[in-house]
């Protein structure tokens, strides 16, 4: 596997390639924060304590944070194996705040949406879960404005989550957003609110404030054009025919 510097130079803030192997993600996050040991994360859709976790490696470095997870079975595992604050709820819109909603249980692909985003996913059951806005959770836990990392993995429910999240107030420094890119809604939302897409690790899009002044190479720009525009119709067709 190629080095971090092959893809991104965090010191000069230059992105050489827009597609980074998922296996490098943890090292990339640590490099972005210059191996910081006292950071703060918010992990929405925390799921398994270790498997594909966006925050476990940071917790091991000494970071504190909040793990937001709607399914009781995963919350039990998180309480046993993690040191961060566990909040058992799903994050959604202001309209849904305080309600109890049914979630489609499908392991790591569980969602409040009627259709699963992941190819090959299967709904195993449904479960009633508490729903709050992300604003409510952050305020209730006295999270500081401008915290370091926000990771969101809510399997297609992102726009509803955004409705309950005041991004211009909280201004997380790095926003890891899972995006299958079946449309541009999430990307347009982030762009409208002053965030710049710098690269992707697997399905996770990396957004930072434009004030971070990252510069994309021509190669990286072309990779984004191919992913976000040329490949969009194909992914939409494929999604419709696998659900």
Protein backbone atom coordinates (compact mmCIF):
# COMPACT_ATOMS: atom_id res chain seq x y z
CA UNK A 1 0.00 0.00 0.00
CA UNK A 2 1.29 3.45 -0.91
CA UNK A 3 2.19 6.01 1.76
CA UNK A 4 -0.06 8.80 3.03
CA UNK A 5 2.10 11.38 1.25
CA UNK A 6 1.38 9.74 -2.09
CA UNK A 7 -2.28 10.71 -1.68
CA UNK A 8 -2.19 13.84 0.51
CA UNK A 9 0.42 16.18 1.93
CA UNK A 10 -1.27 17.49 5.06
CA UNK A 11 1.50 19.98 5.82
CA UNK A 12 1.25 21.75 2.47
CA UNK A 13 -2.49 20.97 2.29
CA UNK A 14 -2.22 19.48 -1.17
CA UNK A 15 -4.42 16.58 -2.29
CA UNK A 16 -2.74 14.50 -4.98
CA UNK A 17 -5.41 11.81 -5.38
CA UNK A 18 -9.09 11.94 -4.49
CA UNK A 19 -9.46 8.18 -3.92
CA UNK A 20 -7.63 6.81 -0.89
CA UNK A 21 -7.76 3.11 0.16
CA UNK A 22 -10.08 2.57 3.17
CA UNK A 23 -7.26 0.71 4.92
CA UNK A 24 -5.38 3.99 5.26
CA UNK A 25 -8.28 5.89 6.82
CA UNK A 26 -7.22 5.69 10.49
CA UNK A 27 -3.67 6.80 9.68
CA UNK A 28 -5.03 9.58 7.48
CA UNK A 29 -7.26 10.89 10.27
CA UNK A 30 -4.37 10.84 12.72
CA UNK A 31 -2.16 12.62 10.21
CA UNK A 32 -4.82 15.26 9.55
CA UNK A 33 -4.82 16.07 13.27
CA UNK A 34 -1.01 15.82 13.46
CA UNK A 35 -1.25 12.82 15.83
CA UNK A 36 -3.20 14.83 18.39
CA UNK A 37 -3.87 12.92 21.63
CA UNK A 38 -6.45 15.13 23.35
CA UNK A 39 -9.07 15.59 20.63
CA UNK A 40 -12.86 15.21 20.71
CA UNK A 41 -15.02 13.17 18.33
CA UNK A 42 -18.73 12.67 17.73
CA UNK A 43 -19.50 9.34 16.05
CA UNK A 44 -23.09 9.13 14.74
CA UNK A 45 -24.08 5.58 13.89
CA UNK A 46 -21.25 4.15 15.98
CA UNK A 47 -22.35 0.55 15.54
CA UNK A 48 -19.74 -2.07 16.48
CA UNK A 49 -17.14 -0.98 19.09
CA UNK A 50 -14.23 -1.98 16.87
CA UNK A 51 -15.25 -3.21 13.40
CA UNK A 52 -14.98 -0.37 10.87
CA UNK A 53 -15.13 2.14 13.73
CA UNK A 54 -14.29 5.72 12.79
CA UNK A 55 -13.34 6.60 16.37
CA UNK A 56 -11.85 3.60 18.22
CA UNK A 57 -8.31 4.32 17.04
CA UNK A 58 -8.67 7.90 18.34
CA UNK A 59 -9.98 6.71 21.69
CA UNK A 60 -6.87 4.56 21.97
CA UNK A 61 -4.75 7.69 21.50
CA UNK A 62 -6.50 9.42 24.39
CA UNK A 63 -9.34 11.22 22.63
CA UNK A 64 -12.71 11.70 24.34
CA UNK A 65 -16.02 11.73 22.57
CA UNK A 66 -19.63 10.69 22.08
CA UNK A 67 -20.87 7.51 20.44
CA UNK A 68 -24.44 7.83 19.14
CA UNK A 69 -26.09 4.52 18.30
CA UNK A 70 -29.82 3.60 18.08
CA UNK A 71 -29.65 -0.20 18.42
CA UNK A 72 -29.61 -1.55 21.97
CA UNK A 73 -27.49 -4.59 21.09
CA UNK A 74 -24.65 -2.37 19.85
CA UNK A 75 -25.05 0.08 22.73
CA UNK A 76 -24.52 -2.79 25.16
CA UNK A 77 -21.31 -3.74 23.37
CA UNK A 78 -20.15 -0.12 23.26
CA UNK A 79 -20.71 0.33 27.01
CA UNK A 80 -18.64 -2.77 27.71
CA UNK A 81 -15.76 -1.98 25.36
CA UNK A 82 -15.47 1.77 24.88
CA UNK A 83 -14.73 4.71 27.20
CA UNK A 84 -16.64 7.43 25.31
CA UNK A 85 -20.10 8.64 26.32
CA UNK A 86 -22.81 6.39 24.83
CA UNK A 87 -26.05 8.00 23.65
CA UNK A 88 -28.71 5.47 22.65
CA UNK A 89 -30.79 7.14 19.98
CA UNK A 90 -31.08 7.77 16.25
CA UNK A 91 -30.43 11.25 14.88
CA UNK A 92 -33.04 12.76 12.58
CA UNK A 93 -34.94 15.94 11.75
CA UNK A 94 -36.51 18.53 14.03
CA UNK A 95 -39.92 17.14 13.11
CA UNK A 96 -38.92 13.70 14.40
CA UNK A 97 -37.21 14.98 17.55
CA UNK A 98 -38.48 13.22 20.68
CA UNK A 99 -40.44 10.59 18.75
CA UNK A 100 -40.15 6.82 18.76
CA UNK A 101 -39.63 5.45 15.27
CA UNK A 102 -39.15 2.00 13.79
CA UNK A 103 -35.70 1.24 12.45
CA UNK A 104 -34.93 -1.49 9.93
CA UNK A 105 -32.39 -3.73 11.64
CA UNK A 106 -29.76 -4.95 9.18
CA UNK A 107 -26.55 -5.15 11.18
CA UNK A 108 -24.11 -2.43 10.17
CA UNK A 109 -26.60 -1.28 7.48
CA UNK A 110 -29.52 -0.59 9.85
CA UNK A 111 -31.49 2.50 8.90
CA UNK A 112 -34.60 4.59 9.51
CA UNK A 113 -35.08 4.62 5.73
CA UNK A 114 -37.49 2.20 4.03
CA UNK A 115 -34.76 0.92 1.67
CA UNK A 116 -31.28 -0.26 2.54
CA UNK A 117 -28.42 1.64 0.92
CA UNK A 118 -25.92 -1.22 0.94
CA UNK A 119 -25.91 -3.74 -1.87
CA UNK A 120 -26.84 -7.20 -0.59
CA UNK A 121 -28.13 -5.91 2.74
CA UNK A 122 -31.12 -7.67 4.29
CA UNK A 123 -33.61 -6.45 6.88
CA UNK A 124 -33.60 -8.93 9.76
CA UNK A 125 -36.15 -7.23 12.02
CA UNK A 126 -37.53 -3.87 13.08
CA UNK A 127 -36.99 -2.13 16.40
CA UNK A 128 -38.51 0.94 18.01
CA UNK A 129 -35.83 3.52 18.80
CA UNK A 130 -35.72 6.95 20.38
CA UNK A 131 -35.04 9.81 17.96
CA UNK A 132 -33.34 13.12 18.76
CA UNK A 133 -31.73 15.85 16.72
CA UNK A 134 -27.96 15.98 16.66
CA UNK A 135 -28.24 19.52 18.03
CA UNK A 136 -30.06 18.17 21.09
CA UNK A 137 -27.42 15.49 21.74
CA UNK A 138 -24.52 17.92 21.41
CA UNK A 139 -26.15 20.52 23.64
CA UNK A 140 -27.17 17.95 26.26
CA UNK A 141 -23.58 16.75 26.48
CA UNK A 142 -22.01 20.23 26.60
CA UNK A 143 -19.97 19.69 23.44
CA UNK A 144 -17.75 22.64 22.57
CA UNK A 145 -18.19 24.52 19.33
CA UNK A 146 -15.50 23.69 16.76
CA UNK A 147 -14.89 20.15 18.03
CA UNK A 148 -12.44 18.06 16.05
CA UNK A 149 -14.19 15.19 14.26
CA UNK A 150 -17.76 14.43 13.27
CA UNK A 151 -18.39 11.05 11.65
CA UNK A 152 -21.85 10.35 10.23
CA UNK A 153 -22.94 6.90 9.04
CA UNK A 154 -26.74 6.78 9.01
CA UNK A 155 -27.38 4.73 5.86
CA UNK A 156 -29.35 7.19 3.73
CA UNK A 157 -30.89 9.31 6.51
CA UNK A 158 -28.36 12.13 6.18
CA UNK A 159 -30.65 14.91 4.93
CA UNK A 160 -33.02 14.40 7.87
CA UNK A 161 -30.04 14.48 10.24
CA UNK A 162 -28.85 17.72 8.62
CA UNK A 163 -32.24 19.28 9.33
CA UNK A 164 -31.57 18.79 13.04
CA UNK A 165 -27.94 19.91 12.98
CA UNK A 166 -26.76 23.54 12.99
CA UNK A 167 -23.52 22.99 11.12
CA UNK A 168 -22.64 26.67 10.88
CA UNK A 169 -22.84 26.90 14.67
CA UNK A 170 -20.92 23.73 15.58
CA UNK A 171 -18.32 23.88 12.77
CA UNK A 172 -16.55 20.51 13.25
CA UNK A 173 -13.05 20.70 11.84
CA UNK A 174 -13.27 17.41 9.94
CA UNK A 175 -16.54 15.85 8.79
CA UNK A 176 -16.44 12.20 7.65
CA UNK A 177 -19.68 11.58 5.79
CA UNK A 178 -20.65 8.22 4.32
CA UNK A 179 -22.00 8.85 0.84
CA UNK A 180 -22.87 6.24 -1.79
CA UNK A 181 -23.28 9.20 -4.21
CA UNK A 182 -26.66 8.29 -5.67
CA UNK A 183 -27.35 12.04 -5.90
CA UNK A 184 -25.69 15.35 -5.02
CA UNK A 185 -27.94 16.39 -2.13
CA UNK A 186 -25.44 15.73 0.65
CA UNK A 187 -22.54 17.19 -1.31
CA UNK A 188 -24.51 20.33 -2.18
CA UNK A 189 -25.54 20.76 1.45
CA UNK A 190 -21.94 20.60 2.63
CA UNK A 191 -20.81 23.01 -0.10
CA UNK A 192 -23.55 25.52 0.74
CA UNK A 193 -22.38 25.54 4.34
CA UNK A 194 -18.76 26.32 3.61
CA UNK A 195 -17.23 22.84 3.49
CA UNK A 196 -14.84 21.54 0.84
CA UNK A 197 -14.64 17.91 -0.30
CA UNK A 198 -10.96 16.98 -0.36
CA UNK A 199 -10.92 13.20 -0.91
CA UNK A 200 -12.68 9.90 -0.17
CA UNK A 201 -11.65 6.80 1.77
CA UNK A 202 -13.94 4.07 0.49
CA UNK A 203 -17.49 5.37 0.98
CA UNK A 204 -16.46 8.15 3.36
CA UNK A 205 -16.20 11.66 1.96
CA UNK A 206 -13.79 13.99 3.76
CA UNK A 207 -15.15 17.53 4.21
CA UNK A 208 -13.21 20.39 5.77
CA UNK A 209 -13.92 24.09 6.12
CA UNK A 210 -12.80 26.09 3.11
CA UNK A 211 -10.70 28.12 5.53
CA UNK A 212 -8.39 25.08 5.80
CA UNK A 213 -7.20 26.03 2.29
CA UNK A 214 -6.67 22.56 0.84
CA UNK A 215 -5.69 22.51 -2.84
CA UNK A 216 -6.63 19.65 -5.16
CA UNK A 217 -4.37 18.52 -7.99
CA UNK A 218 -5.79 18.27 -11.50
CA UNK A 219 -5.80 14.49 -11.12
CA UNK A 220 -7.88 14.72 -7.92
CA UNK A 221 -10.35 17.11 -9.56
CA UNK A 222 -10.80 14.75 -12.50
CA UNK A 223 -11.38 11.82 -10.15
CA UNK A 224 -14.19 13.76 -8.46
CA UNK A 225 -15.75 14.68 -11.79
CA UNK A 226 -15.80 11.02 -12.78
CA UNK A 227 -17.26 9.91 -9.43
CA UNK A 228 -19.82 12.65 -8.83
CA UNK A 229 -21.03 13.26 -12.38
CA UNK A 230 -20.05 10.68 -14.98
CA UNK A 231 -20.80 7.68 -12.76
CA UNK A 232 -24.01 9.01 -11.21
CA UNK A 233 -26.54 7.57 -13.66
CA UNK A 234 -24.93 4.14 -13.53
CA UNK A 235 -25.06 4.05 -9.71
CA UNK A 236 -28.70 5.16 -9.68
CA UNK A 237 -29.63 2.42 -12.14
CA UNK A 238 -27.69 -0.18 -10.15
CA UNK A 239 -29.33 0.91 -6.86
CA UNK A 240 -32.85 0.70 -8.31
CA UNK A 241 -32.20 -2.80 -9.63
CA UNK A 242 -30.74 -4.20 -6.39
CA UNK A 243 -33.49 -2.99 -4.01
